[in-house]
Amino acid sequence: MSALQTAQTALRAAAYARFSSEMQRDESIDAQLRAIRAYCEKNGLLLVHEYIDRAHSATNDQRPEFQQMIGDAKRGNFDLVIVHKLDRFSRNRYDSVIYRRQLKNAGVELRSVLENLDGSPESILLESLLDGLNEFYARNLAREVQKGKKENALRAKHVGGLPPLGYRVNPETMLLEIEPFEAQAVQLLFQMYLDGKGYTAILNELNRRGYRTKRGQPFGKNSLYEILRNEKYAGTYTYNRTVSKSVSGKTNRHRLKPDDEIIRIPNAIPALISPQDFAAVQKKMNERRHKTARFKAKHVYLLSGKITCGVCGSPYAGNARKARPDHPLYCSYRCTRRNAKTACRNTEIRTQTLENHVLSLLANQVFDEVLLPELYRRYADFAAQKDEEGHRTLCTLSARLDHVQSGIRNIVSVVVETGSAALNEKLRELETQKAALEFEIRKIQEQQRDNLPDYETLCAAFRKAKQLLQTGELRCAQKVIDQYIEQVTLFPDRIQVEFRLGSFHQCVSTQKELLP
């Protein structure tokens, strides 16, 4: 086979490189890629793309570039995945089998530079052994690291990560000591909570005074919760409180381990909050949590603030009551002047009856299928405007591809006429550039197609949203009501709904006997 034929039929390869710890460096990546590039050159492969995950462990599949690589493999963007060693691909036997199967189903072969696996029965056995050894190494290393952390924890030493807000780590002793400015924020937070202030008021005050989280971000409700629950502020060192990561690699910091597994050392840290105040805060948080749970079923009135009485002009308001303690709750809208001295006698109407009626009218107005072609055109225009950068990049890549293809044609004509071997290396270089450019172009085109659903998909979503709005199941129903309903007026014999549709208003009047 000639050099020209080899370049035109070469398999397309993608490189995958990874290191697992922030303490490692890009030199590790460079070494892996250097070996992969040499392997591709030696074996006549076209390296079309390189995927790199920095500071991501292979014990789970939560790696962005790895997932991108698997997705691109399924789209047929390359024929091979090349890794320096198999432990770069995965150190979890389950993940390794799953993702190798996905690559195989996509017609993509996984190869290792250092481990020569040729598909023979012996190599399959070796592959399984390597997977087991890689997982053993990862788990054994994690166990040894945990042993060292536990020993440090028993001495109340900081064992890694950011220290809590209000503390810093002494680099010589590895013990926590007070950071004065941050400590003021913690003490203010606890004091405001004990004074009965809500999370919003506390957040506003902390941010107004210029305090920030340990990562330099404005405070949020979750960060307040974590601080208020942290025993370290009362002087108690804690370690191993939260449960381990789930199979998917996620951690729920609100799920705690049993007390006998948690290391607690009282009076091991300089306290920022007195034990009495800390206990009072915990009691108050527990009481609020139980109280919140009791009131979670509070009824939501979707048309609140939108209904006007057609008799006296007063607003209608939601009302909930029981005829007797053992009766179900009756929810309705009624005129706010119903109990006044000059009582209004306009009709009271059941909440569900009125809301279902208004939502049905709204669905027919907002989700009119006559609007679908125009809606699709506008969405396409919007997507195109949003992807101006992608369009520019696509034009640039296409121009470069035309230039490379022109160079290939010129060299091919010379090779055919003269049989020159000196041009073979240049031809191969251009073919590699061509494959890489085609890969990038396909990738952008796929992203553009993904961003724009086909017309039938949009129609199906449109009809589904209409159905959900009619039944009151649409999550953003309240926002749709606020956006498009100007006013609902209740008369003794009819209901009038005024819609705000773009630049014009429209009224729909319905006789009450026609209500569902």
Protein backbone atom coordinates (compact mmCIF):
# COMPACT_ATOMS: atom_id res chain seq x y z
CA MET A 1 0.00 0.00 0.00
CA SER A 2 1.40 3.43 -0.97
CA ALA A 3 1.93 6.28 1.49
CA LEU A 4 -0.95 8.13 -0.21
CA GLN A 5 -3.36 5.21 0.31
CA THR A 6 -2.20 4.83 3.92
CA ALA A 7 -2.90 8.49 4.72
CA GLN A 8 -6.35 8.32 3.16
CA THR A 9 -7.41 5.11 4.98
CA ALA A 10 -5.75 5.70 8.38
CA LEU A 11 -7.89 5.12 11.46
CA ARG A 12 -8.95 8.21 13.41
CA ALA A 13 -7.80 8.22 17.03
CA ALA A 14 -8.71 10.26 20.10
CA ALA A 15 -6.33 10.63 23.05
CA TYR A 16 -7.55 10.56 26.65
CA ALA A 17 -5.24 11.80 29.43
CA ARG A 18 -5.94 12.36 33.12
CA PHE A 19 -4.41 13.00 36.50
CA SER A 20 -6.35 12.58 39.72
CA SER A 21 -4.92 15.00 42.31
CA GLU A 22 -4.58 18.76 42.44
CA MET A 23 -1.09 18.07 43.85
CA GLN A 24 -0.08 16.56 40.50
CA ARG A 25 0.94 18.76 37.60
CA ASP A 26 0.37 19.25 33.89
CA GLU A 27 3.73 17.54 33.30
CA SER A 28 1.87 14.27 33.92
CA ILE A 29 -0.57 15.15 31.13
CA ASP A 30 2.28 16.21 28.83
CA ALA A 31 4.05 12.88 29.33
CA GLN A 32 0.88 10.90 28.59
CA LEU A 33 0.11 12.88 25.44
CA ARG A 34 3.71 12.66 24.22
CA ALA A 35 3.57 8.86 24.49
CA ILE A 36 0.15 8.71 22.77
CA ARG A 37 1.29 10.93 19.89
CA ALA A 38 4.37 8.77 19.37
CA TYR A 39 2.19 5.65 19.41
CA CYS A 40 -0.14 7.13 16.77
CA GLU A 41 2.77 8.12 14.55
CA LYS A 42 4.37 4.69 14.87
CA ASN A 43 1.13 2.87 14.03
CA GLY A 44 -0.09 5.17 11.26
CA LEU A 45 -3.05 6.61 13.16
CA LEU A 46 -4.61 10.06 12.68
CA LEU A 47 -4.88 11.78 16.07
CA VAL A 48 -7.99 13.96 15.64
CA HIS A 49 -8.67 15.14 19.19
CA GLU A 50 -7.26 15.12 22.74
CA TYR A 51 -9.48 14.89 25.84
CA ILE A 52 -7.90 15.97 29.15
CA ASP A 53 -9.30 15.70 32.69
CA ARG A 54 -7.26 17.51 35.33
CA ALA A 55 -7.66 16.65 39.04
CA HIS A 56 -10.41 14.08 38.43
CA SER A 57 -10.30 10.64 40.02
CA ALA A 58 -10.86 7.56 37.86
CA THR A 59 -12.72 5.81 40.70
CA ASN A 60 -15.96 7.28 39.30
CA ASP A 61 -17.23 8.52 35.94
CA GLN A 62 -17.92 12.13 36.99
CA ARG A 63 -15.30 13.50 34.59
CA PRO A 64 -16.44 16.12 32.05
CA GLU A 65 -13.92 15.40 29.28
CA PHE A 66 -14.36 11.63 29.73
CA GLN A 67 -18.13 11.97 29.28
CA GLN A 68 -17.61 14.25 26.27
CA MET A 69 -15.32 11.62 24.76
CA ILE A 70 -17.91 8.84 25.25
CA GLY A 71 -20.57 11.05 23.62
CA ASP A 72 -18.35 11.88 20.65
CA ALA A 73 -17.49 8.19 20.23
CA LYS A 74 -21.20 7.36 19.92
CA ARG A 75 -21.48 10.03 17.20
CA GLY A 76 -18.80 8.27 15.15
CA ASN A 77 -16.22 11.02 15.42
CA PHE A 78 -13.27 8.61 15.71
CA ASP A 79 -12.36 4.92 15.52
CA LEU A 80 -9.97 4.49 18.46
CA VAL A 81 -9.45 5.81 21.98
CA ILE A 82 -5.80 5.78 23.06
CA VAL A 83 -4.68 5.99 26.69
CA HIS A 84 -1.19 5.86 28.14
CA LYS A 85 -2.25 3.19 30.66
CA LEU A 86 -5.64 1.60 31.35
CA ASP A 87 -5.78 3.17 34.83
CA ARG A 88 -6.13 6.55 33.05
CA PHE A 89 -9.42 5.27 31.58
CA SER A 90 -10.90 3.91 34.82
CA ARG A 91 -9.98 2.48 38.22
CA ASN A 92 -13.44 1.12 38.82
CA ARG A 93 -14.17 -2.34 37.36
CA TYR A 94 -17.88 -1.63 36.96
CA ASP A 95 -17.31 1.66 35.10
CA SER A 96 -14.56 0.09 33.01
CA VAL A 97 -16.85 -2.69 31.75
CA ILE A 98 -19.80 -0.34 31.15
CA TYR A 99 -17.86 2.26 29.16
CA ARG A 100 -15.80 -0.23 27.20
CA ARG A 101 -19.06 -1.85 26.17
CA GLN A 102 -20.40 1.55 25.07
CA LEU A 103 -17.26 2.17 23.01
CA LYS A 104 -17.49 -1.29 21.48
CA ASN A 105 -21.15 -0.79 20.56
CA ALA A 106 -20.14 2.47 18.86
CA GLY A 107 -17.45 0.62 16.88
CA VAL A 108 -14.63 2.29 18.81
CA GLU A 109 -11.63 0.33 20.11
CA LEU A 110 -9.80 1.16 23.36
CA ARG A 111 -6.00 0.84 23.21
CA SER A 112 -3.25 1.33 25.78
CA VAL A 113 0.24 2.51 24.87
CA LEU A 114 1.98 0.52 27.62
CA GLU A 115 -0.31 -2.52 27.84
CA ASN A 116 -0.40 -4.45 24.59
CA LEU A 117 -3.92 -5.91 24.49
CA ASP A 118 -4.58 -7.53 21.11
CA GLY A 119 -7.99 -9.12 21.72
CA SER A 120 -6.61 -12.64 22.24
CA PRO A 121 -7.94 -14.83 25.10
CA GLU A 122 -4.72 -14.16 27.02
CA SER A 123 -5.04 -10.39 26.63
CA ILE A 124 -8.67 -10.51 27.83
CA LEU A 125 -7.50 -12.27 30.99
CA LEU A 126 -4.68 -9.72 31.42
CA GLU A 127 -7.15 -6.89 30.91
CA SER A 128 -9.38 -8.21 33.71
CA LEU A 129 -6.39 -8.57 36.02
CA LEU A 130 -5.26 -5.02 35.29
CA ASP A 131 -8.74 -3.68 36.05
CA GLY A 132 -8.71 -5.50 39.39
CA LEU A 133 -5.21 -4.27 40.23
CA ASN A 134 -6.09 -0.69 39.34
CA GLU A 135 -9.17 -0.73 41.57
CA PHE A 136 -7.20 -2.42 44.37
CA TYR A 137 -4.53 0.28 44.14
CA ALA A 138 -7.11 3.09 44.27
CA ARG A 139 -9.02 1.63 47.21
CA ASN A 140 -5.93 0.64 49.13
CA LEU A 141 -4.46 4.12 48.67
CA ALA A 142 -7.74 5.66 49.86
CA ARG A 143 -7.70 3.40 52.94
CA GLU A 144 -4.13 4.36 53.80
CA VAL A 145 -4.93 8.04 53.34
CA GLN A 146 -7.97 7.68 55.61
CA LYS A 147 -5.85 5.98 58.29
CA GLY A 148 -3.45 8.92 58.26
CA LYS A 149 -6.31 11.42 58.41
CA LYS A 150 -7.89 9.58 61.33
CA GLU A 151 -4.63 9.67 63.29
CA ASN A 152 -4.36 13.42 62.70
CA ALA A 153 -8.02 13.87 63.64
CA LEU A 154 -7.49 12.14 66.97
CA ARG A 155 -4.91 14.87 67.67
CA ALA A 156 -7.46 17.54 66.62
CA LYS A 157 -5.33 18.47 63.60
CA HIS A 158 -6.77 19.88 60.39
CA VAL A 159 -6.91 17.07 57.83
CA GLY A 160 -7.34 18.94 54.56
CA GLY A 161 -9.65 21.20 52.60
CA LEU A 162 -10.69 24.69 53.60
CA PRO A 163 -10.89 25.38 57.35
CA PRO A 164 -14.25 26.61 58.67
CA LEU A 165 -15.06 30.29 58.35
CA GLY A 166 -13.52 32.12 61.31
CA TYR A 167 -10.46 29.85 61.53
CA ARG A 168 -7.10 29.43 59.84
CA VAL A 169 -4.61 26.56 59.98
CA ASN A 170 -1.31 27.00 61.81
CA PRO A 171 1.21 25.66 59.23
CA GLU A 172 3.54 24.28 61.90
CA THR A 173 1.10 22.55 64.26
CA MET A 174 -1.77 22.00 61.73
CA LEU A 175 -4.16 23.09 64.48
CA LEU A 176 -7.02 25.53 63.96
CA GLU A 177 -6.66 29.06 65.30
CA ILE A 178 -8.98 32.07 65.15
CA GLU A 179 -9.04 34.37 62.10
CA PRO A 180 -10.31 37.60 63.72
CA PHE A 181 -12.17 39.28 60.83
CA GLU A 182 -14.01 36.12 59.78
CA ALA A 183 -14.75 35.30 63.43
CA GLN A 184 -16.76 38.53 63.67
CA ALA A 185 -18.99 37.33 60.82
CA VAL A 186 -19.64 34.01 62.58
CA GLN A 187 -20.46 35.69 65.90
CA LEU A 188 -22.77 38.19 64.18
CA LEU A 189 -24.57 35.37 62.40
CA PHE A 190 -25.23 33.40 65.62
CA GLN A 191 -26.32 36.52 67.51
CA MET A 192 -28.77 37.62 64.81
CA TYR A 193 -30.27 34.13 64.64
CA LEU A 194 -30.74 34.05 68.42
CA ASP A 195 -32.39 37.48 68.17
CA GLY A 196 -35.03 35.97 65.87
CA LYS A 197 -33.76 37.31 62.55
CA GLY A 198 -34.53 35.26 59.44
CA TYR A 199 -32.00 33.96 56.92
CA THR A 200 -32.71 36.78 54.45
CA ALA A 201 -32.08 39.52 57.01
CA ILE A 202 -28.88 37.79 58.18
CA LEU A 203 -27.63 37.34 54.60
CA ASN A 204 -28.27 40.97 53.75
CA GLU A 205 -26.45 42.21 56.86
CA LEU A 206 -23.41 39.96 56.39
CA ASN A 207 -23.07 40.91 52.73
CA ARG A 208 -23.66 44.61 53.49
CA ARG A 209 -20.78 44.60 55.98
CA GLY A 210 -18.48 43.08 53.38
CA TYR A 211 -18.15 39.61 54.90
CA ARG A 212 -17.66 36.71 52.47
CA THR A 213 -17.58 32.91 52.60
CA LYS A 214 -14.29 31.04 52.80
CA ARG A 215 -14.28 30.87 49.01
CA GLY A 216 -14.74 34.63 48.70
CA GLN A 217 -18.37 34.43 47.58
CA PRO A 218 -21.44 36.26 48.99
CA PHE A 219 -23.31 34.26 51.60
CA GLY A 220 -26.25 32.02 50.64
CA LYS A 221 -28.80 30.17 52.76
CA ASN A 222 -26.96 26.85 52.52
CA SER A 223 -23.73 28.39 53.80
CA LEU A 224 -25.61 29.84 56.81
CA TYR A 225 -27.12 26.46 57.62
CA GLU A 226 -23.71 24.76 57.54
CA ILE A 227 -22.21 27.38 59.88
CA LEU A 228 -25.07 27.25 62.38
CA ARG A 229 -24.80 23.45 62.59
CA ASN A 230 -20.98 23.29 62.89
CA GLU A 231 -19.95 22.09 66.37
CA LYS A 232 -16.44 23.46 65.89
CA TYR A 233 -17.71 26.96 66.71
CA ALA A 234 -18.51 25.77 70.24
CA GLY A 235 -14.97 24.38 70.60
CA THR A 236 -15.68 20.73 69.70
CA TYR A 237 -13.42 19.22 67.05
CA THR A 238 -15.37 16.87 64.73
CA TYR A 239 -14.30 14.52 61.96
CA ASN A 240 -16.01 11.85 59.83
CA ARG A 241 -19.49 13.36 60.30
CA THR A 242 -21.05 12.99 56.84
CA VAL A 243 -21.76 9.77 54.99
CA SER A 244 -19.47 8.66 52.18
CA LYS A 245 -20.06 9.52 48.56
CA SER A 246 -22.83 7.67 46.76
CA VAL A 247 -22.17 5.34 43.83
CA SER A 248 -22.58 8.33 41.50
CA GLY A 249 -19.87 10.22 43.41
CA LYS A 250 -22.20 12.74 45.09
CA THR A 251 -22.07 13.78 48.75
CA ASN A 252 -25.04 14.86 50.88
CA ARG A 253 -23.56 16.95 53.69
CA HIS A 254 -26.87 16.86 55.59
CA ARG A 255 -26.71 13.06 56.04
CA LEU A 256 -24.66 12.25 59.13
CA LYS A 257 -22.99 9.02 60.22
CA PRO A 258 -23.96 7.29 63.49
CA ASP A 259 -22.49 8.98 66.57
CA ASP A 260 -20.18 6.06 67.34
CA GLU A 261 -18.38 6.60 63.98
CA ILE A 262 -17.87 10.35 64.44
CA ILE A 263 -14.72 11.64 66.13
CA ARG A 264 -15.61 14.38 68.64
CA ILE A 265 -13.02 16.06 70.88
CA PRO A 266 -14.50 18.72 73.23
CA ASN A 267 -12.51 21.89 73.98
CA ALA A 268 -9.95 21.11 71.27
CA ILE A 269 -10.55 24.30 69.26
CA PRO A 270 -10.73 27.95 70.34
CA ALA A 271 -14.49 28.52 70.67
CA LEU A 272 -16.17 31.41 68.86
CA ILE A 273 -19.61 30.73 70.38
CA SER A 274 -20.42 29.73 73.96
CA PRO A 275 -21.75 26.16 74.40
CA GLN A 276 -24.97 27.63 75.82
CA ASP A 277 -25.60 29.84 72.77
CA PHE A 278 -24.72 27.02 70.38
CA ALA A 279 -27.19 24.67 72.14
CA ALA A 280 -29.88 27.38 72.02
CA VAL A 281 -29.36 27.78 68.26
CA GLN A 282 -29.64 24.02 67.68
CA LYS A 283 -32.88 23.89 69.67
CA LYS A 284 -34.32 26.81 67.72
CA MET A 285 -33.35 25.29 64.35
CA ASN A 286 -34.97 21.97 65.28
CA GLU A 287 -38.17 23.72 66.36
CA ARG A 288 -38.31 25.71 63.11
CA ARG A 289 -37.75 22.58 61.04
CA HIS A 290 -40.69 20.77 62.67
CA LYS A 291 -42.87 23.85 62.43
CA THR A 292 -42.08 24.25 58.73
CA ALA A 293 -43.00 20.63 58.07
CA ARG A 294 -46.44 21.14 59.65
CA PHE A 295 -47.20 24.06 57.33
CA LYS A 296 -45.88 22.65 54.08
CA ALA A 297 -49.39 21.83 52.87
CA LYS A 298 -50.47 25.51 52.87
CA HIS A 299 -52.83 26.19 49.96
CA VAL A 300 -51.55 28.33 47.08
CA TYR A 301 -54.03 30.71 45.44
CA LEU A 302 -52.87 31.13 41.83
CA LEU A 303 -55.16 34.11 41.12
CA SER A 304 -54.37 36.03 44.28
CA GLY A 305 -54.32 39.78 43.57
CA LYS A 306 -55.92 39.33 40.13
CA ILE A 307 -59.65 39.07 41.05
CA THR A 308 -61.99 42.04 41.41
CA CYS A 309 -65.61 42.09 42.53
CA GLY A 310 -67.93 43.19 39.71
CA VAL A 311 -70.50 44.49 42.22
CA CYS A 312 -68.55 46.69 44.66
CA GLY A 313 -65.14 46.86 43.02
CA SER A 314 -63.30 45.37 46.03
CA PRO A 315 -60.62 42.71 45.57
CA TYR A 316 -61.37 39.02 46.04
CA ALA A 317 -59.14 37.02 48.40
CA GLY A 318 -58.52 33.35 49.09
CA ASN A 319 -60.38 31.76 52.00
CA ALA A 320 -59.97 28.31 53.55
CA ARG A 321 -62.25 26.79 56.18
CA LYS A 322 -63.84 23.60 57.44
CA ALA A 323 -67.58 23.28 58.11
CA ARG A 324 -66.69 20.91 60.94
CA PRO A 325 -63.34 19.57 62.22
CA ASP A 326 -63.93 16.21 60.53
CA HIS A 327 -64.84 17.80 57.15
CA PRO A 328 -62.38 18.39 54.29
CA LEU A 329 -60.90 21.86 53.82
CA TYR A 330 -63.01 24.11 51.57
CA CYS A 331 -60.92 26.65 49.61
CA SER A 332 -62.59 29.52 47.79
CA TYR A 333 -62.28 33.09 46.55
CA ARG A 334 -64.68 35.64 48.03
CA CYS A 335 -65.14 39.41 48.17
CA THR A 336 -63.15 41.10 50.92
CA ARG A 337 -66.23 43.25 51.77
CA ARG A 338 -68.31 40.18 52.48
CA ASN A 339 -67.96 40.68 56.28
CA ALA A 340 -68.07 44.49 56.28
CA LYS A 341 -70.95 46.49 57.79
CA THR A 342 -72.25 47.22 54.29
CA ALA A 343 -71.67 43.63 53.27
CA CYS A 344 -71.24 42.77 49.60
CA ARG A 345 -73.40 39.82 48.58
CA ASN A 346 -71.54 38.92 45.42
CA THR A 347 -70.99 35.22 44.90
CA GLU A 348 -68.25 33.14 46.50
CA ILE A 349 -66.60 30.65 44.14
CA ARG A 350 -64.62 27.49 44.75
CA THR A 351 -60.86 27.95 44.15
CA GLN A 352 -60.42 24.92 41.94
CA THR A 353 -63.47 25.77 39.80
CA LEU A 354 -62.29 29.31 39.03
CA GLU A 355 -58.63 28.44 38.57
CA ASN A 356 -59.37 25.53 36.21
CA HIS A 357 -61.65 27.77 34.14
CA VAL A 358 -59.12 30.61 33.90
CA LEU A 359 -56.23 28.26 33.15
CA SER A 360 -58.22 26.62 30.36
CA LEU A 361 -58.99 30.02 28.78
CA LEU A 362 -55.36 31.06 29.21
CA ALA A 363 -54.06 27.87 27.59
CA ASN A 364 -56.25 28.46 24.53
CA GLN A 365 -54.99 32.06 24.25
CA VAL A 366 -51.27 31.55 24.89
CA PHE A 367 -50.91 28.11 23.27
CA ASP A 368 -52.82 28.78 20.07
CA GLU A 369 -51.35 26.39 17.46
CA VAL A 370 -51.65 29.08 14.78
CA LEU A 371 -48.58 30.59 16.46
CA LEU A 372 -46.39 27.48 16.02
CA PRO A 373 -44.69 28.31 12.66
CA GLU A 374 -43.85 31.83 13.80
CA LEU A 375 -42.69 30.53 17.18
CA TYR A 376 -40.35 28.05 15.51
CA ARG A 377 -38.94 30.74 13.19
CA ARG A 378 -38.28 33.09 16.09
CA TYR A 379 -36.67 30.35 18.14
CA ALA A 380 -34.39 29.48 15.23
CA ASP A 381 -33.41 33.15 14.88
CA PHE A 382 -32.79 33.37 18.62
CA ALA A 383 -30.61 30.24 18.59
CA ALA A 384 -28.64 31.58 15.62
CA GLN A 385 -28.01 34.91 17.36
CA LYS A 386 -26.90 33.13 20.51
CA ASP A 387 -24.50 31.00 18.51
CA GLU A 388 -22.77 33.78 16.56
CA GLU A 389 -19.43 32.71 18.02
CA GLY A 390 -20.02 29.12 16.91
CA HIS A 391 -20.91 30.33 13.42
CA ARG A 392 -17.73 32.41 13.18
CA THR A 393 -15.66 29.47 14.39
CA LEU A 394 -17.34 27.20 11.85
CA CYS A 395 -16.52 29.63 9.01
CA THR A 396 -12.89 29.84 10.15
CA LEU A 397 -12.51 26.05 10.40
CA SER A 398 -14.18 25.54 7.00
CA ALA A 399 -11.77 28.02 5.39
CA ARG A 400 -8.80 26.24 6.98
CA LEU A 401 -10.17 22.87 5.82
CA ASP A 402 -10.48 24.16 2.22
CA HIS A 403 -6.88 25.34 2.40
CA VAL A 404 -5.65 21.98 3.73
CA GLN A 405 -7.65 20.04 1.12
CA SER A 406 -6.18 22.23 -1.60
CA GLY A 407 -2.69 21.43 -0.29
CA ILE A 408 -3.50 17.71 -0.26
CA ARG A 409 -4.72 17.83 -3.88
CA ASN A 410 -1.56 19.64 -4.97
CA ILE A 411 0.72 17.13 -3.24
CA VAL A 412 -1.30 14.15 -4.52
CA SER A 413 -0.93 15.36 -8.10
CA VAL A 414 2.84 15.70 -7.67
CA VAL A 415 3.12 12.26 -6.02
CA VAL A 416 1.10 10.65 -8.83
CA GLU A 417 3.26 12.28 -11.53
CA THR A 418 6.69 11.89 -9.94
CA GLY A 419 6.33 9.16 -7.29
CA SER A 420 8.26 11.43 -4.93
CA ALA A 421 8.76 9.87 -1.50
CA ALA A 422 9.91 13.17 -0.01
CA LEU A 423 6.35 14.52 -0.06
CA ASN A 424 4.85 11.55 1.80
CA GLU A 425 5.56 12.99 5.25
CA LYS A 426 4.01 16.35 4.29
CA LEU A 427 0.98 14.53 2.90
CA ARG A 428 0.56 12.62 6.12
CA GLU A 429 0.78 15.85 8.15
CA LEU A 430 -1.93 17.47 6.01
CA GLU A 431 -4.17 14.41 6.32
CA THR A 432 -3.85 14.62 10.11
CA GLN A 433 -4.79 18.31 10.03
CA LYS A 434 -7.75 17.52 7.76
CA ALA A 435 -9.07 14.82 10.11
CA ALA A 436 -8.75 17.12 13.13
CA LEU A 437 -10.54 19.98 11.34
CA GLU A 438 -13.35 17.68 10.17
CA PHE A 439 -13.74 16.46 13.74
CA GLU A 440 -14.10 20.02 15.10
CA ILE A 441 -16.54 21.00 12.33
CA ARG A 442 -18.76 17.96 12.99
CA LYS A 443 -18.69 18.70 16.69
CA ILE A 444 -19.90 22.31 16.22
CA GLN A 445 -22.55 21.23 13.71
CA GLU A 446 -23.84 18.60 16.15
CA GLN A 447 -24.03 21.19 18.92
CA GLN A 448 -25.97 23.52 16.64
CA ARG A 449 -28.41 20.74 15.73
CA ASP A 450 -28.82 19.84 19.41
CA ASN A 451 -29.62 23.47 20.24
CA LEU A 452 -32.43 23.59 17.68
CA PRO A 453 -35.16 20.93 18.09
CA ASP A 454 -37.00 19.77 14.97
CA TYR A 455 -40.44 21.22 14.25
CA GLU A 456 -42.34 18.11 15.42
CA THR A 457 -40.47 18.06 18.74
CA LEU A 458 -41.35 21.72 19.31
CA CYS A 459 -45.02 21.02 18.47
CA ALA A 460 -45.13 18.10 20.90
CA ALA A 461 -43.58 20.21 23.68
CA PHE A 462 -46.00 23.06 22.88
CA ARG A 463 -49.04 20.77 23.17
CA LYS A 464 -47.72 19.14 26.33
CA ALA A 465 -47.22 22.55 27.96
CA LYS A 466 -50.78 23.52 26.99
CA GLN A 467 -52.14 20.34 28.55
CA LEU A 468 -50.17 20.89 31.76
CA LEU A 469 -51.36 24.50 31.99
CA GLN A 470 -54.99 23.46 31.54
CA THR A 471 -54.72 20.96 34.39
CA GLY A 472 -52.72 23.29 36.64
CA GLU A 473 -49.69 20.94 36.59
CA LEU A 474 -47.34 23.32 34.75
CA ARG A 475 -44.59 24.30 37.18
CA CYS A 476 -44.44 27.87 35.90
CA ALA A 477 -48.25 28.32 35.87
CA GLN A 478 -47.97 31.19 38.36
CA LYS A 479 -45.48 33.01 36.12
CA VAL A 480 -47.71 32.50 33.07
CA ILE A 481 -50.69 33.92 34.98
CA ASP A 482 -48.69 36.93 36.15
CA GLN A 483 -47.45 37.54 32.61
CA TYR A 484 -50.68 37.23 30.63
CA ILE A 485 -53.67 37.83 32.92
CA GLU A 486 -54.48 41.47 33.64
CA GLN A 487 -57.63 40.99 35.71
CA VAL A 488 -60.45 38.57 36.52
CA THR A 489 -63.80 40.23 37.35
CA LEU A 490 -66.55 38.25 39.07
CA PHE A 491 -70.17 39.29 38.52
CA PRO A 492 -73.19 37.48 40.00
CA ASP A 493 -73.97 35.89 36.62
CA ARG A 494 -70.70 35.84 34.69
CA ILE A 495 -66.89 35.87 34.82
CA GLN A 496 -64.82 38.27 32.76
CA VAL A 497 -61.12 37.55 32.12
CA GLU A 498 -58.89 40.26 30.66
CA PHE A 499 -55.74 39.00 28.94
CA ARG A 500 -52.55 40.98 28.34
CA LEU A 501 -51.22 39.58 25.05
CA GLY A 502 -48.25 41.54 23.78
CA SER A 503 -49.25 45.06 22.85
CA PHE A 504 -53.02 44.52 23.07
CA HIS A 505 -55.58 43.40 25.64
CA GLN A 506 -58.46 41.01 25.11
CA CYS A 507 -61.52 40.29 27.26
CA VAL A 508 -63.33 36.95 27.43
CA SER A 509 -66.67 36.77 29.23
CA THR A 510 -68.26 33.47 30.33
CA GLN A 511 -71.69 32.80 31.83
CA LYS A 512 -71.37 31.10 35.20
CA GLU A 513 -73.69 28.25 34.26
CA LEU A 514 -71.18 27.29 31.54
CA LEU A 515 -68.39 26.76 34.07
CA PRO A 516 -67.21 23.17 34.57
